[in-house]
N, C-alpha and C. Protein backbone atom coordinates (compact mmCIF):
# COMPACT_ATOMS: atom_id res chain seq x y z
N MET A 1 -20.40 8.33 28.58
CA MET A 1 -19.73 7.16 28.05
C MET A 1 -18.57 6.83 29.00
N ASP A 2 -18.46 5.56 29.31
CA ASP A 2 -17.45 5.09 30.25
C ASP A 2 -16.10 4.92 29.55
N GLN A 3 -15.05 5.03 30.32
CA GLN A 3 -13.70 4.89 29.78
C GLN A 3 -13.45 3.48 29.25
N ASN A 4 -14.03 2.47 29.89
CA ASN A 4 -13.87 1.09 29.43
C ASN A 4 -14.51 0.87 28.07
N ILE A 5 -15.61 1.54 27.81
CA ILE A 5 -16.26 1.41 26.50
C ILE A 5 -15.36 1.98 25.40
N ILE A 6 -14.75 3.12 25.69
CA ILE A 6 -13.86 3.74 24.71
C ILE A 6 -12.68 2.82 24.41
N PHE A 7 -12.08 2.25 25.44
CA PHE A 7 -10.95 1.34 25.24
C PHE A 7 -11.38 0.08 24.48
N ASP A 8 -12.55 -0.43 24.77
CA ASP A 8 -13.04 -1.64 24.10
C ASP A 8 -13.30 -1.37 22.62
N VAL A 9 -13.93 -0.25 22.32
CA VAL A 9 -14.20 0.09 20.91
C VAL A 9 -12.90 0.36 20.16
N THR A 10 -11.94 1.00 20.82
CA THR A 10 -10.64 1.24 20.18
C THR A 10 -9.92 -0.07 19.91
N ARG A 11 -9.97 -1.00 20.86
CA ARG A 11 -9.35 -2.31 20.67
C ARG A 11 -10.01 -3.04 19.51
N GLN A 12 -11.33 -3.00 19.42
CA GLN A 12 -12.03 -3.66 18.32
C GLN A 12 -11.70 -2.99 16.98
N ALA A 13 -11.58 -1.67 16.97
CA ALA A 13 -11.25 -0.95 15.74
C ALA A 13 -9.84 -1.32 15.26
N LEU A 14 -8.91 -1.43 16.18
CA LEU A 14 -7.56 -1.83 15.79
C LEU A 14 -7.53 -3.26 15.28
N TRP A 15 -8.29 -4.14 15.90
CA TRP A 15 -8.35 -5.53 15.43
C TRP A 15 -8.95 -5.60 14.03
N ILE A 16 -9.96 -4.81 13.76
CA ILE A 16 -10.58 -4.78 12.43
C ILE A 16 -9.58 -4.24 11.41
N ALA A 17 -8.81 -3.23 11.80
CA ALA A 17 -7.79 -2.70 10.89
C ALA A 17 -6.75 -3.76 10.56
N VAL A 18 -6.37 -4.57 11.53
CA VAL A 18 -5.41 -5.65 11.28
C VAL A 18 -6.02 -6.69 10.35
N ARG A 19 -7.27 -7.07 10.60
CA ARG A 19 -7.93 -8.07 9.75
C ARG A 19 -8.10 -7.58 8.32
N MET A 20 -8.37 -6.28 8.15
CA MET A 20 -8.58 -5.75 6.81
C MET A 20 -7.25 -5.61 6.05
N SER A 21 -6.17 -5.31 6.74
CA SER A 21 -4.90 -5.10 6.05
C SER A 21 -4.08 -6.37 5.90
N ALA A 22 -4.45 -7.43 6.59
CA ALA A 22 -3.66 -8.67 6.56
C ALA A 22 -3.51 -9.26 5.15
N PRO A 23 -4.55 -9.36 4.33
CA PRO A 23 -4.34 -9.93 3.00
C PRO A 23 -3.36 -9.12 2.14
N LEU A 24 -3.46 -7.80 2.20
CA LEU A 24 -2.55 -6.97 1.41
C LEU A 24 -1.11 -7.10 1.91
N LEU A 25 -0.94 -7.09 3.21
CA LEU A 25 0.41 -7.19 3.76
C LEU A 25 1.02 -8.57 3.51
N ALA A 26 0.20 -9.61 3.56
CA ALA A 26 0.71 -10.96 3.31
C ALA A 26 1.17 -11.09 1.86
N VAL A 27 0.39 -10.56 0.93
CA VAL A 27 0.78 -10.63 -0.48
C VAL A 27 2.05 -9.82 -0.73
N ALA A 28 2.16 -8.65 -0.12
CA ALA A 28 3.37 -7.84 -0.28
C ALA A 28 4.58 -8.56 0.28
N LEU A 29 4.41 -9.22 1.43
CA LEU A 29 5.53 -9.94 2.04
C LEU A 29 5.98 -11.11 1.18
N VAL A 30 5.03 -11.93 0.74
CA VAL A 30 5.38 -13.11 -0.06
C VAL A 30 5.99 -12.69 -1.39
N THR A 31 5.41 -11.68 -2.03
CA THR A 31 5.95 -11.21 -3.30
C THR A 31 7.36 -10.64 -3.12
N GLY A 32 7.57 -9.89 -2.06
CA GLY A 32 8.90 -9.34 -1.81
C GLY A 32 9.94 -10.41 -1.57
N VAL A 33 9.57 -11.46 -0.83
CA VAL A 33 10.52 -12.55 -0.59
C VAL A 33 10.85 -13.28 -1.88
N ILE A 34 9.82 -13.57 -2.68
CA ILE A 34 10.06 -14.29 -3.93
C ILE A 34 10.93 -13.47 -4.88
N ILE A 35 10.63 -12.18 -5.01
CA ILE A 35 11.42 -11.34 -5.90
C ILE A 35 12.83 -11.15 -5.34
N GLY A 36 12.97 -11.05 -4.03
CA GLY A 36 14.29 -10.94 -3.43
C GLY A 36 15.14 -12.18 -3.68
N LEU A 37 14.52 -13.35 -3.57
CA LEU A 37 15.24 -14.59 -3.89
C LEU A 37 15.63 -14.63 -5.36
N PHE A 38 14.72 -14.22 -6.23
CA PHE A 38 15.03 -14.19 -7.66
C PHE A 38 16.20 -13.25 -7.95
N GLN A 39 16.19 -12.08 -7.32
CA GLN A 39 17.28 -11.13 -7.55
C GLN A 39 18.60 -11.65 -6.99
N ALA A 40 18.54 -12.32 -5.85
CA ALA A 40 19.78 -12.85 -5.28
C ALA A 40 20.35 -13.99 -6.12
N LEU A 41 19.48 -14.78 -6.69
CA LEU A 41 19.94 -15.92 -7.49
C LEU A 41 20.44 -15.51 -8.87
N THR A 42 19.87 -14.47 -9.43
CA THR A 42 20.24 -14.08 -10.79
C THR A 42 21.11 -12.83 -10.85
N SER A 43 21.36 -12.17 -9.74
CA SER A 43 22.15 -10.94 -9.67
C SER A 43 21.55 -9.81 -10.49
N VAL A 44 20.25 -9.83 -10.68
CA VAL A 44 19.56 -8.74 -11.36
C VAL A 44 19.11 -7.76 -10.29
N GLN A 45 19.58 -6.52 -10.36
CA GLN A 45 19.26 -5.52 -9.35
C GLN A 45 18.46 -4.37 -9.96
N GLU A 46 17.35 -4.67 -10.51
CA GLU A 46 16.48 -3.68 -11.14
C GLU A 46 15.41 -3.26 -10.15
N MET A 47 15.24 -1.96 -9.92
CA MET A 47 14.28 -1.47 -8.93
C MET A 47 12.83 -1.69 -9.37
N THR A 48 12.57 -1.57 -10.67
CA THR A 48 11.19 -1.77 -11.12
C THR A 48 10.78 -3.23 -11.00
N LEU A 49 11.73 -4.13 -10.95
CA LEU A 49 11.41 -5.55 -10.80
C LEU A 49 10.78 -5.82 -9.43
N THR A 50 11.14 -5.05 -8.43
CA THR A 50 10.53 -5.24 -7.11
C THR A 50 9.23 -4.47 -6.97
N PHE A 51 9.12 -3.33 -7.62
CA PHE A 51 7.97 -2.45 -7.42
C PHE A 51 6.74 -2.87 -8.21
N VAL A 52 6.90 -3.09 -9.49
CA VAL A 52 5.75 -3.33 -10.37
C VAL A 52 4.98 -4.60 -10.03
N PRO A 53 5.62 -5.76 -9.86
CA PRO A 53 4.84 -6.95 -9.51
C PRO A 53 4.16 -6.85 -8.14
N LYS A 54 4.84 -6.22 -7.19
CA LYS A 54 4.26 -6.08 -5.86
C LYS A 54 3.01 -5.21 -5.88
N VAL A 55 3.09 -4.09 -6.58
CA VAL A 55 1.93 -3.20 -6.67
C VAL A 55 0.81 -3.87 -7.47
N GLY A 56 1.15 -4.55 -8.54
CA GLY A 56 0.13 -5.24 -9.33
C GLY A 56 -0.60 -6.31 -8.54
N LEU A 57 0.14 -7.12 -7.80
CA LEU A 57 -0.49 -8.17 -7.00
C LEU A 57 -1.31 -7.58 -5.85
N MET A 58 -0.82 -6.51 -5.26
CA MET A 58 -1.58 -5.88 -4.17
C MET A 58 -2.88 -5.27 -4.69
N LEU A 59 -2.85 -4.68 -5.88
CA LEU A 59 -4.09 -4.17 -6.47
C LEU A 59 -5.07 -5.30 -6.78
N GLY A 60 -4.56 -6.42 -7.27
CA GLY A 60 -5.43 -7.57 -7.52
C GLY A 60 -6.05 -8.11 -6.26
N VAL A 61 -5.26 -8.25 -5.21
CA VAL A 61 -5.79 -8.74 -3.93
C VAL A 61 -6.77 -7.75 -3.34
N PHE A 62 -6.49 -6.46 -3.47
CA PHE A 62 -7.42 -5.45 -2.98
C PHE A 62 -8.75 -5.55 -3.71
N TRP A 63 -8.70 -5.75 -5.02
CA TRP A 63 -9.92 -5.86 -5.80
C TRP A 63 -10.72 -7.10 -5.39
N VAL A 64 -10.04 -8.20 -5.12
CA VAL A 64 -10.72 -9.44 -4.72
C VAL A 64 -11.31 -9.32 -3.32
N THR A 65 -10.58 -8.70 -2.39
CA THR A 65 -11.03 -8.65 -0.99
C THR A 65 -11.78 -7.37 -0.64
N MET A 66 -12.09 -6.55 -1.63
CA MET A 66 -12.78 -5.30 -1.35
C MET A 66 -14.15 -5.52 -0.72
N SER A 67 -14.87 -6.53 -1.15
CA SER A 67 -16.19 -6.79 -0.57
C SER A 67 -16.07 -7.24 0.89
N PHE A 68 -15.05 -8.05 1.20
CA PHE A 68 -14.81 -8.45 2.59
C PHE A 68 -14.48 -7.24 3.45
N MET A 69 -13.62 -6.35 2.95
CA MET A 69 -13.24 -5.17 3.71
C MET A 69 -14.43 -4.25 3.94
N THR A 70 -15.23 -4.05 2.90
CA THR A 70 -16.40 -3.19 3.02
C THR A 70 -17.41 -3.76 4.00
N ALA A 71 -17.68 -5.06 3.91
CA ALA A 71 -18.63 -5.69 4.83
C ALA A 71 -18.13 -5.65 6.27
N THR A 72 -16.84 -5.86 6.47
CA THR A 72 -16.28 -5.82 7.82
C THR A 72 -16.39 -4.43 8.42
N LEU A 73 -16.02 -3.42 7.66
CA LEU A 73 -16.06 -2.05 8.17
C LEU A 73 -17.50 -1.58 8.38
N ALA A 74 -18.39 -1.90 7.45
CA ALA A 74 -19.79 -1.51 7.60
C ALA A 74 -20.43 -2.22 8.80
N GLY A 75 -20.10 -3.49 8.99
CA GLY A 75 -20.62 -4.21 10.15
C GLY A 75 -20.13 -3.63 11.46
N PHE A 76 -18.87 -3.23 11.51
CA PHE A 76 -18.33 -2.62 12.72
C PHE A 76 -19.05 -1.32 13.04
N PHE A 77 -19.25 -0.48 12.03
CA PHE A 77 -19.94 0.78 12.28
C PHE A 77 -21.40 0.56 12.64
N THR A 78 -22.05 -0.38 11.99
CA THR A 78 -23.45 -0.64 12.28
C THR A 78 -23.64 -1.24 13.67
N ASP A 79 -22.78 -2.17 14.05
CA ASP A 79 -22.94 -2.87 15.31
C ASP A 79 -22.34 -2.14 16.51
N GLN A 80 -21.27 -1.38 16.31
CA GLN A 80 -20.55 -0.79 17.44
C GLN A 80 -20.67 0.73 17.52
N ILE A 81 -20.36 1.42 16.43
CA ILE A 81 -20.26 2.87 16.49
C ILE A 81 -21.61 3.55 16.50
N LEU A 82 -22.51 3.16 15.62
CA LEU A 82 -23.81 3.82 15.56
C LEU A 82 -24.62 3.67 16.84
N PRO A 83 -24.66 2.50 17.50
CA PRO A 83 -25.35 2.44 18.78
C PRO A 83 -24.73 3.35 19.85
N LEU A 84 -23.43 3.52 19.82
CA LEU A 84 -22.79 4.44 20.78
C LEU A 84 -23.19 5.88 20.51
N ILE A 85 -23.28 6.23 19.24
CA ILE A 85 -23.68 7.60 18.89
C ILE A 85 -25.14 7.82 19.26
N ALA A 86 -25.98 6.86 18.95
CA ALA A 86 -27.41 7.01 19.24
C ALA A 86 -27.70 6.97 20.74
N GLY A 87 -26.91 6.18 21.46
CA GLY A 87 -27.17 6.03 22.88
C GLY A 87 -26.51 7.06 23.76
N GLY A 88 -25.61 7.83 23.20
CA GLY A 88 -25.05 8.75 24.14
C GLY A 88 -23.96 9.57 23.67
């Protein structure tokens, strides 16, 4: 196996990891900003106010995008990793 192939597969794997984590990170960011604004405007400094809605929304987004994540990861392994294993 050539060094360029290893670098290319690693680059593709990192890109897939970014694509799979982007929805969860975007929801966490938006939720954190909204809750931070709410806390700044109302002077409510409760720690569970930041944690519970963020985790709940992230679980909901994970449940909705789970099929996309599974299909993306399975496609990567089927198209990229398994041929490398079989071929060499």
